[in-house]
Amino acid sequence: MRQLFHETTLSGTARKAYFPTDYISGKTGTTNVVKDMWFVGLTANYTTWVWIGRDKPSKLQSIYSHTPHVLIWKDISQTAE
């Protein structure tokens, strides 16, 4: 499982999460019609989850391709390492 989730950060939906470290992996997700976006990522030292959504659910399709949930996770994780 660790290798599968690591591959997600190398060539999958979480490519933008990758940074050089001892270990990195993760899993992206969204709801139908993109009302929520989330990313759970792991490094050798930390596991962190980022969720993006609205109090009153509405589509986030306009920002989906920018992967803000993944980029927020990367910023947090690089700072923590």
PDB file of N, CA and C in Angstrom:
ATOM      1  N   MET A   1       0.824  -1.189   0.000  1.00  0.00           N
ATOM      2  CA  MET A   1       0.000   0.000   0.000  1.00  0.00           C
ATOM      3  C   MET A   1       0.870   1.255   0.000  1.00  0.00           C
ATOM      4  N   ARG A   2       1.932   1.230   0.793  1.00  0.00           N
ATOM      5  CA  ARG A   2       2.813   2.410   0.834  1.00  0.00           C
ATOM      6  C   ARG A   2       3.354   2.744  -0.553  1.00  0.00           C
ATOM      7  N   GLN A   3       3.722   1.725  -1.308  1.00  0.00           N
ATOM      8  CA  GLN A   3       4.265   1.957  -2.651  1.00  0.00           C
ATOM      9  C   GLN A   3       3.190   2.505  -3.592  1.00  0.00           C
ATOM     10  N   LEU A   4       1.978   1.965  -3.495  1.00  0.00           N
ATOM     11  CA  LEU A   4       0.879   2.462  -4.335  1.00  0.00           C
ATOM     12  C   LEU A   4       0.595   3.934  -4.065  1.00  0.00           C
ATOM     13  N   PHE A   5       0.530   4.302  -2.796  1.00  0.00           N
ATOM     14  CA  PHE A   5       0.260   5.697  -2.460  1.00  0.00           C
ATOM     15  C   PHE A   5       1.451   6.595  -2.789  1.00  0.00           C
ATOM     16  N   HIS A   6       2.652   6.043  -2.737  1.00  0.00           N
ATOM     17  CA  HIS A   6       3.841   6.801  -3.144  1.00  0.00           C
ATOM     18  C   HIS A   6       3.763   7.111  -4.645  1.00  0.00           C
ATOM     19  N   GLU A   7       3.340   6.138  -5.430  1.00  0.00           N
ATOM     20  CA  GLU A   7       3.211   6.331  -6.882  1.00  0.00           C
ATOM     21  C   GLU A   7       2.248   7.469  -7.214  1.00  0.00           C
ATOM     22  N   THR A   8       1.243   7.680  -6.385  1.00  0.00           N
ATOM     23  CA  THR A   8       0.292   8.776  -6.593  1.00  0.00           C
ATOM     24  C   THR A   8       1.007  10.120  -6.609  1.00  0.00           C
ATOM     25  N   THR A   9       2.046  10.256  -5.785  1.00  0.00           N
ATOM     26  CA  THR A   9       2.784  11.522  -5.740  1.00  0.00           C
ATOM     27  C   THR A   9       3.843  11.622  -6.836  1.00  0.00           C
ATOM     28  N   LEU A  10       4.190  10.508  -7.445  1.00  0.00           N
ATOM     29  CA  LEU A  10       5.181  10.537  -8.522  1.00  0.00           C
ATOM     30  C   LEU A  10       4.545  10.757  -9.887  1.00  0.00           C
ATOM     31  N   SER A  11       3.445  10.064 -10.136  1.00  0.00           N
ATOM     32  CA  SER A  11       2.871  10.126 -11.488  1.00  0.00           C
ATOM     33  C   SER A  11       1.350  10.123 -11.509  1.00  0.00           C
ATOM     34  N   GLY A  12       0.730  10.263 -10.365  1.00  0.00           N
ATOM     35  CA  GLY A  12      -0.732  10.204 -10.309  1.00  0.00           C
ATOM     36  C   GLY A  12      -1.370  11.550 -10.041  1.00  0.00           C
ATOM     37  N   THR A  13      -2.528  11.508  -9.424  1.00  0.00           N
ATOM     38  CA  THR A  13      -3.314  12.718  -9.194  1.00  0.00           C
ATOM     39  C   THR A  13      -2.696  13.663  -8.169  1.00  0.00           C
ATOM     40  N   ALA A  14      -1.682  13.214  -7.447  1.00  0.00           N
ATOM     41  CA  ALA A  14      -1.031  14.058  -6.435  1.00  0.00           C
ATOM     42  C   ALA A  14       0.392  14.440  -6.827  1.00  0.00           C
ATOM     43  N   ARG A  15       0.692  14.478  -8.119  1.00  0.00           N
ATOM     44  CA  ARG A  15       2.040  14.845  -8.579  1.00  0.00           C
ATOM     45  C   ARG A  15       2.509  16.166  -7.984  1.00  0.00           C
ATOM     46  N   LYS A  16       1.607  17.116  -7.859  1.00  0.00           N
ATOM     47  CA  LYS A  16       1.984  18.440  -7.363  1.00  0.00           C
ATOM     48  C   LYS A  16       2.338  18.433  -5.874  1.00  0.00           C
ATOM     49  N   ALA A  17       2.061  17.348  -5.186  1.00  0.00           N
ATOM     50  CA  ALA A  17       2.400  17.239  -3.767  1.00  0.00           C
ATOM     51  C   ALA A  17       3.853  16.847  -3.558  1.00  0.00           C
ATOM     52  N   TYR A  18       4.473  16.293  -4.574  1.00  0.00           N
ATOM     53  CA  TYR A  18       5.815  15.731  -4.400  1.00  0.00           C
ATOM     54  C   TYR A  18       6.867  16.784  -4.064  1.00  0.00           C
ATOM     55  N   PHE A  19       7.705  16.430  -3.115  1.00  0.00           N
ATOM     56  CA  PHE A  19       8.942  17.150  -2.848  1.00  0.00           C
ATOM     57  C   PHE A  19       9.935  16.133  -2.316  1.00  0.00           C
ATOM     58  N   PRO A  20      11.228  16.373  -2.509  1.00  0.00           N
ATOM     59  CA  PRO A  20      12.228  15.409  -2.074  1.00  0.00           C
ATOM     60  C   PRO A  20      12.238  15.270  -0.547  1.00  0.00           C
ATOM     61  N   THR A  21      12.052  14.069  -0.082  1.00  0.00           N
ATOM     62  CA  THR A  21      12.057  13.753   1.352  1.00  0.00           C
ATOM     63  C   THR A  21      12.258  12.251   1.484  1.00  0.00           C
ATOM     64  N   ASP A  22      12.433  11.776   2.705  1.00  0.00           N
ATOM     65  CA  ASP A  22      12.665  10.347   2.918  1.00  0.00           C
ATOM     66  C   ASP A  22      11.519   9.487   2.402  1.00  0.00           C
ATOM     67  N   TYR A  23      10.303   9.911   2.646  1.00  0.00           N
ATOM     68  CA  TYR A  23       9.128   9.170   2.179  1.00  0.00           C
ATOM     69  C   TYR A  23       7.987  10.155   1.977  1.00  0.00           C
ATOM     70  N   ILE A  24       7.240   9.956   0.921  1.00  0.00           N
ATOM     71  CA  ILE A  24       6.063  10.787   0.649  1.00  0.00           C
ATOM     72  C   ILE A  24       5.038   9.935  -0.080  1.00  0.00           C
ATOM     73  N   SER A  25       3.785  10.091   0.293  1.00  0.00           N
ATOM     74  CA  SER A  25       2.702   9.384  -0.390  1.00  0.00           C
ATOM     75  C   SER A  25       1.398  10.103  -0.098  1.00  0.00           C
ATOM     76  N   GLY A  26       0.339   9.709  -0.780  1.00  0.00           N
ATOM     77  CA  GLY A  26      -0.932  10.349  -0.516  1.00  0.00           C
ATOM     78  C   GLY A  26      -2.068   9.812  -1.355  1.00  0.00           C
ATOM     79  N   LYS A  27      -3.254  10.330  -1.058  1.00  0.00           N
ATOM     80  CA  LYS A  27      -4.489   9.946  -1.742  1.00  0.00           C
ATOM     81  C   LYS A  27      -5.341  11.187  -1.911  1.00  0.00           C
ATOM     82  N   THR A  28      -5.730  11.467  -3.158  1.00  0.00           N
ATOM     83  CA  THR A  28      -6.627  12.591  -3.431  1.00  0.00           C
ATOM     84  C   THR A  28      -8.062  12.085  -3.475  1.00  0.00           C
ATOM     85  N   GLY A  29      -8.989  13.010  -3.363  1.00  0.00           N
ATOM     86  CA  GLY A  29     -10.390  12.639  -3.479  1.00  0.00           C
ATOM     87  C   GLY A  29     -11.264  13.855  -3.703  1.00  0.00           C
ATOM     88  N   THR A  30     -12.454  13.590  -4.180  1.00  0.00           N
ATOM     89  CA  THR A  30     -13.449  14.640  -4.390  1.00  0.00           C
ATOM     90  C   THR A  30     -14.830  14.000  -4.325  1.00  0.00           C
ATOM     91  N   THR A  31     -15.829  14.820  -4.214  1.00  0.00           N
ATOM     92  CA  THR A  31     -17.198  14.324  -4.249  1.00  0.00           C
ATOM     93  C   THR A  31     -17.717  14.410  -5.677  1.00  0.00           C
ATOM     94  N   ASN A  32     -18.839  13.768  -5.927  1.00  0.00           N
ATOM     95  CA  ASN A  32     -19.489  13.929  -7.226  1.00  0.00           C
ATOM     96  C   ASN A  32     -19.777  15.413  -7.432  1.00  0.00           C
ATOM     97  N   VAL A  33     -19.666  15.867  -8.616  1.00  0.00           N
ATOM     98  CA  VAL A  33     -19.844  17.264  -9.034  1.00  0.00           C
ATOM     99  C   VAL A  33     -18.919  18.236  -8.296  1.00  0.00           C
ATOM    100  N   VAL A  34     -17.848  17.753  -7.749  1.00  0.00           N
ATOM    101  CA  VAL A  34     -16.765  18.546  -7.153  1.00  0.00           C
ATOM    102  C   VAL A  34     -17.274  19.617  -6.181  1.00  0.00           C
ATOM    103  N   LYS A  35     -17.935  19.197  -5.138  1.00  0.00           N
ATOM    104  CA  LYS A  35     -18.355  20.110  -4.074  1.00  0.00           C
ATOM    105  C   LYS A  35     -17.372  20.088  -2.913  1.00  0.00           C
ATOM    106  N   ASP A  36     -16.511  19.105  -2.871  1.00  0.00           N
ATOM    107  CA  ASP A  36     -15.457  18.973  -1.874  1.00  0.00           C
ATOM    108  C   ASP A  36     -14.211  18.436  -2.572  1.00  0.00           C
ATOM    109  N   MET A  37     -13.053  18.825  -2.068  1.00  0.00           N
ATOM    110  CA  MET A  37     -11.782  18.264  -2.533  1.00  0.00           C
ATOM    111  C   MET A  37     -10.945  17.980  -1.294  1.00  0.00           C
ATOM    112  N   TRP A  38     -10.246  16.853  -1.275  1.00  0.00           N
ATOM    113  CA  TRP A  38      -9.418  16.529  -0.124  1.00  0.00           C
ATOM    114  C   TRP A  38      -8.151  15.809  -0.555  1.00  0.00           C
ATOM    115  N   PHE A  39      -7.171  15.867   0.330  1.00  0.00           N
ATOM    116  CA  PHE A  39      -5.919  15.148   0.128  1.00  0.00           C
ATOM    117  C   PHE A  39      -5.386  14.713   1.480  1.00  0.00           C
ATOM    118  N   VAL A  40      -5.067  13.441   1.590  1.00  0.00           N
ATOM    119  CA  VAL A  40      -4.404  12.905   2.771  1.00  0.00           C
ATOM    120  C   VAL A  40      -3.001  12.534   2.334  1.00  0.00           C
ATOM    121  N   GLY A  41      -2.013  13.101   2.988  1.00  0.00           N
ATOM    122  CA  GLY A  41      -0.634  12.826   2.618  1.00  0.00           C
ATOM    123  C   GLY A  41       0.202  12.397   3.804  1.00  0.00           C
ATOM    124  N   LEU A  42       1.243  11.638   3.503  1.00  0.00           N
ATOM    125  CA  LEU A  42       2.141  11.133   4.526  1.00  0.00           C
ATOM    126  C   LEU A  42       3.577  11.460   4.153  1.00  0.00           C
ATOM    127  N   THR A  43       4.351  11.812   5.155  1.00  0.00           N
ATOM    128  CA  THR A  43       5.794  11.852   5.025  1.00  0.00           C
ATOM    129  C   THR A  43       6.319  10.874   6.070  1.00  0.00           C
ATOM    130  N   ALA A  44       7.622  10.785   6.199  1.00  0.00           N
ATOM    131  CA  ALA A  44       8.187   9.876   7.201  1.00  0.00           C
ATOM    132  C   ALA A  44       7.776  10.276   8.622  1.00  0.00           C
ATOM    133  N   ASN A  45       7.468  11.553   8.816  1.00  0.00           N
ATOM    134  CA  ASN A  45       7.181  12.051  10.161  1.00  0.00           C
ATOM    135  C   ASN A  45       5.735  12.450  10.430  1.00  0.00           C
ATOM    136  N   TYR A  46       4.969  12.769   9.385  1.00  0.00           N
ATOM    137  CA  TYR A  46       3.640  13.343   9.593  1.00  0.00           C
ATOM    138  C   TYR A  46       2.599  12.754   8.645  1.00  0.00           C
ATOM    139  N   THR A  47       1.373  12.753   9.121  1.00  0.00           N
ATOM    140  CA  THR A  47       0.211  12.469   8.285  1.00  0.00           C
ATOM    141  C   THR A  47      -0.699  13.682   8.409  1.00  0.00           C
ATOM    142  N   THR A  48      -1.080  14.247   7.276  1.00  0.00           N
ATOM    143  CA  THR A  48      -1.874  15.474   7.280  1.00  0.00           C
ATOM    144  C   THR A  48      -3.000  15.353   6.273  1.00  0.00           C
ATOM    145  N   TRP A  49      -4.163  15.896   6.633  1.00  0.00           N
ATOM    146  CA  TRP A  49      -5.334  15.865   5.760  1.00  0.00           C
ATOM    147  C   TRP A  49      -5.775  17.297   5.493  1.00  0.00           C
ATOM    148  N   VAL A  50      -6.052  17.603   4.228  1.00  0.00           N
ATOM    149  CA  VAL A  50      -6.551  18.927   3.839  1.00  0.00           C
ATOM    150  C   VAL A  50      -7.886  18.736   3.134  1.00  0.00           C
ATOM    151  N   TRP A  51      -8.874  19.479   3.565  1.00  0.00           N
ATOM    152  CA  TRP A  51     -10.202  19.456   2.942  1.00  0.00           C
ATOM    153  C   TRP A  51     -10.533  20.860   2.488  1.00  0.00           C
ATOM    154  N   ILE A  52     -11.116  20.973   1.297  1.00  0.00           N
ATOM    155  CA  ILE A  52     -11.602  22.251   0.777  1.00  0.00           C
ATOM    156  C   ILE A  52     -13.062  22.072   0.408  1.00  0.00           C
ATOM    157  N   GLY A  53     -13.880  22.957   0.907  1.00  0.00           N
ATOM    158  CA  GLY A  53     -15.304  22.934   0.619  1.00  0.00           C
ATOM    159  C   GLY A  53     -15.931  24.226   1.106  1.00  0.00           C
ATOM    160  N   ARG A  54     -17.232  24.301   0.998  1.00  0.00           N
ATOM    161  CA  ARG A  54     -17.963  25.496   1.429  1.00  0.00           C
ATOM    162  C   ARG A  54     -19.015  25.105   2.459  1.00  0.00           C
ATOM    163  N   ASP A  55     -19.356  26.053   3.316  1.00  0.00           N
ATOM    164  CA  ASP A  55     -20.398  25.800   4.319  1.00  0.00           C
ATOM    165  C   ASP A  55     -21.704  25.373   3.663  1.00  0.00           C
ATOM    166  N   LYS A  56     -22.064  26.070   2.606  1.00  0.00           N
ATOM    167  CA  LYS A  56     -23.235  25.709   1.809  1.00  0.00           C
ATOM    168  C   LYS A  56     -22.698  25.094   0.523  1.00  0.00           C
ATOM    169  N   PRO A  57     -22.787  23.775   0.379  1.00  0.00           N
ATOM    170  CA  PRO A  57     -22.159  23.097  -0.760  1.00  0.00           C
ATOM    171  C   PRO A  57     -22.501  23.722  -2.111  1.00  0.00           C
ATOM    172  N   SER A  58     -21.449  23.967  -2.873  1.00  0.00           N
ATOM    173  CA  SER A  58     -21.589  24.433  -4.250  1.00  0.00           C
ATOM    174  C   SER A  58     -20.347  23.971  -5.009  1.00  0.00           C
ATOM    175  N   LYS A  59     -20.433  23.993  -6.313  1.00  0.00           N
ATOM    176  CA  LYS A  59     -19.368  23.452  -7.148  1.00  0.00           C
ATOM    177  C   LYS A  59     -18.058  24.225  -7.009  1.00  0.00           C
ATOM    178  N   LEU A  60     -16.964  23.473  -7.008  1.00  0.00           N
ATOM    179  CA  LEU A  60     -15.624  24.040  -6.970  1.00  0.00           C
ATOM    180  C   LEU A  60     -14.875  23.743  -8.266  1.00  0.00           C
ATOM    181  N   GLN A  61     -15.610  23.400  -9.298  1.00  0.00           N
ATOM    182  CA  GLN A  61     -15.016  22.994 -10.570  1.00  0.00           C
ATOM    183  C   GLN A  61     -14.043  24.032 -11.120  1.00  0.00           C
ATOM    184  N   SER A  62     -14.316  25.305 -10.889  1.00  0.00           N
ATOM    185  CA  SER A  62     -13.468  26.360 -11.463  1.00  0.00           C
ATOM    186  C   SER A  62     -12.051  26.364 -10.882  1.00  0.00           C
ATOM    187  N   ILE A  63     -11.843  25.794  -9.692  1.00  0.00           N
ATOM    188  CA  ILE A  63     -10.502  25.750  -9.103  1.00  0.00           C
ATOM    189  C   ILE A  63      -9.925  24.336  -9.063  1.00  0.00           C
ATOM    190  N   TYR A  64     -10.690  23.366  -9.489  1.00  0.00           N
ATOM    191  CA  TYR A  64     -10.282  21.962  -9.391  1.00  0.00           C
ATOM    192  C   TYR A  64      -8.944  21.685 -10.072  1.00  0.00           C
ATOM    193  N   SER A  65      -8.739  22.181 -11.266  1.00  0.00           N
ATOM    194  CA  SER A  65      -7.508  21.884 -12.014  1.00  0.00           C
ATOM    195  C   SER A  65      -6.262  22.491 -11.363  1.00  0.00           C
ATOM    196  N   HIS A  66      -6.440  23.450 -10.473  1.00  0.00           N
ATOM    197  CA  HIS A  66      -5.312  24.065  -9.781  1.00  0.00           C
ATOM    198  C   HIS A  66      -4.869  23.253  -8.561  1.00  0.00           C
ATOM    199  N   THR A  67      -5.626  22.243  -8.199  1.00  0.00           N
ATOM    200  CA  THR A  67      -5.368  21.346  -7.066  1.00  0.00           C
ATOM    201  C   THR A  67      -4.978  22.079  -5.780  1.00  0.00           C
ATOM    202  N   PRO A  68      -5.785  23.026  -5.339  1.00  0.00           N
ATOM    203  CA  PRO A  68      -5.399  23.784  -4.145  1.00  0.00           C
ATOM    204  C   PRO A  68      -5.238  22.905  -2.906  1.00  0.00           C
ATOM    205  N   HIS A  69      -6.020  21.848  -2.803  1.00  0.00           N
ATOM    206  CA  HIS A  69      -5.918  20.958  -1.644  1.00  0.00           C
ATOM    207  C   HIS A  69      -4.545  20.293  -1.582  1.00  0.00           C
ATOM    208  N   VAL A  70      -4.004  19.923  -2.723  1.00  0.00           N
ATOM    209  CA  VAL A  70      -2.684  19.296  -2.790  1.00  0.00           C
ATOM    210  C   VAL A  70      -1.588  20.327  -2.505  1.00  0.00           C
ATOM    211  N   LEU A  71      -1.722  21.513  -3.061  1.00  0.00           N
ATOM    212  CA  LEU A  71      -0.710  22.551  -2.862  1.00  0.00           C
ATOM    213  C   LEU A  71      -0.674  23.050  -1.414  1.00  0.00           C
ATOM    214  N   ILE A  72      -1.825  23.138  -0.776  1.00  0.00           N
ATOM    215  CA  ILE A  72      -1.879  23.520   0.644  1.00  0.00           C
ATOM    216  C   ILE A  72      -1.164  22.457   1.472  1.00  0.00           C
ATOM    217  N   TRP A  73      -1.450  21.185   1.185  1.00  0.00           N
ATOM    218  CA  TRP A  73      -0.791  20.094   1.908  1.00  0.00           C
ATOM    219  C   TRP A  73       0.727  20.180   1.734  1.00  0.00           C
ATOM    220  N   LYS A  74       1.171  20.396   0.514  1.00  0.00           N
ATOM    221  CA  LYS A  74       2.611  20.472   0.237  1.00  0.00           C
ATOM    222  C   LYS A  74       3.253  21.600   1.031  1.00  0.00           C
ATOM    223  N   ASP A  75       2.624  22.758   1.054  1.00  0.00           N
ATOM    224  CA  ASP A  75       3.160  23.900   1.794  1.00  0.00           C
ATOM    225  C   ASP A  75       3.282  23.581   3.285  1.00  0.00           C
ATOM    226  N   ILE A  76       2.250  22.999   3.853  1.00  0.00           N
ATOM    227  CA  ILE A  76       2.259  22.621   5.272  1.00  0.00           C
ATOM    228  C   ILE A  76       3.362  21.592   5.540  1.00  0.00           C
ATOM    229  N   SER A  77       3.430  20.578   4.694  1.00  0.00           N
ATOM    230  CA  SER A  77       4.353  19.468   4.920  1.00  0.00           C
ATOM    231  C   SER A  77       5.803  19.860   4.731  1.00  0.00           C
ATOM    232  N   GLN A  78       6.088  20.668   3.733  1.00  0.00           N
ATOM    233  CA  GLN A  78       7.471  21.125   3.541  1.00  0.00           C
ATOM    234  C   GLN A  78       7.921  21.987   4.704  1.00  0.00           C
ATOM    235  N   THR A  79       7.035  22.803   5.215  1.00  0.00           N
ATOM    236  CA  THR A  79       7.354  23.653   6.356  1.00  0.00           C
ATOM    237  C   THR A  79       7.614  22.810   7.602  1.00  0.00           C
ATOM    238  N   ALA A  80       6.831  21.757   7.785  1.00  0.00           N
ATOM    239  CA  ALA A  80       6.965  20.897   8.968  1.00  0.00           C
ATOM    240  C   ALA A  80       8.224  20.051   8.940  1.00  0.00           C
ATOM    241  N   GLU A  81       8.653  19.669   7.736  1.00  0.00           N
ATOM    242  CA  GLU A  81       9.839  18.812   7.634  1.00  0.00           C
ATOM    243  C   GLU A  81      11.037  19.631   7.999  1.00  0.00           C
TER     244      GLU A  81
END
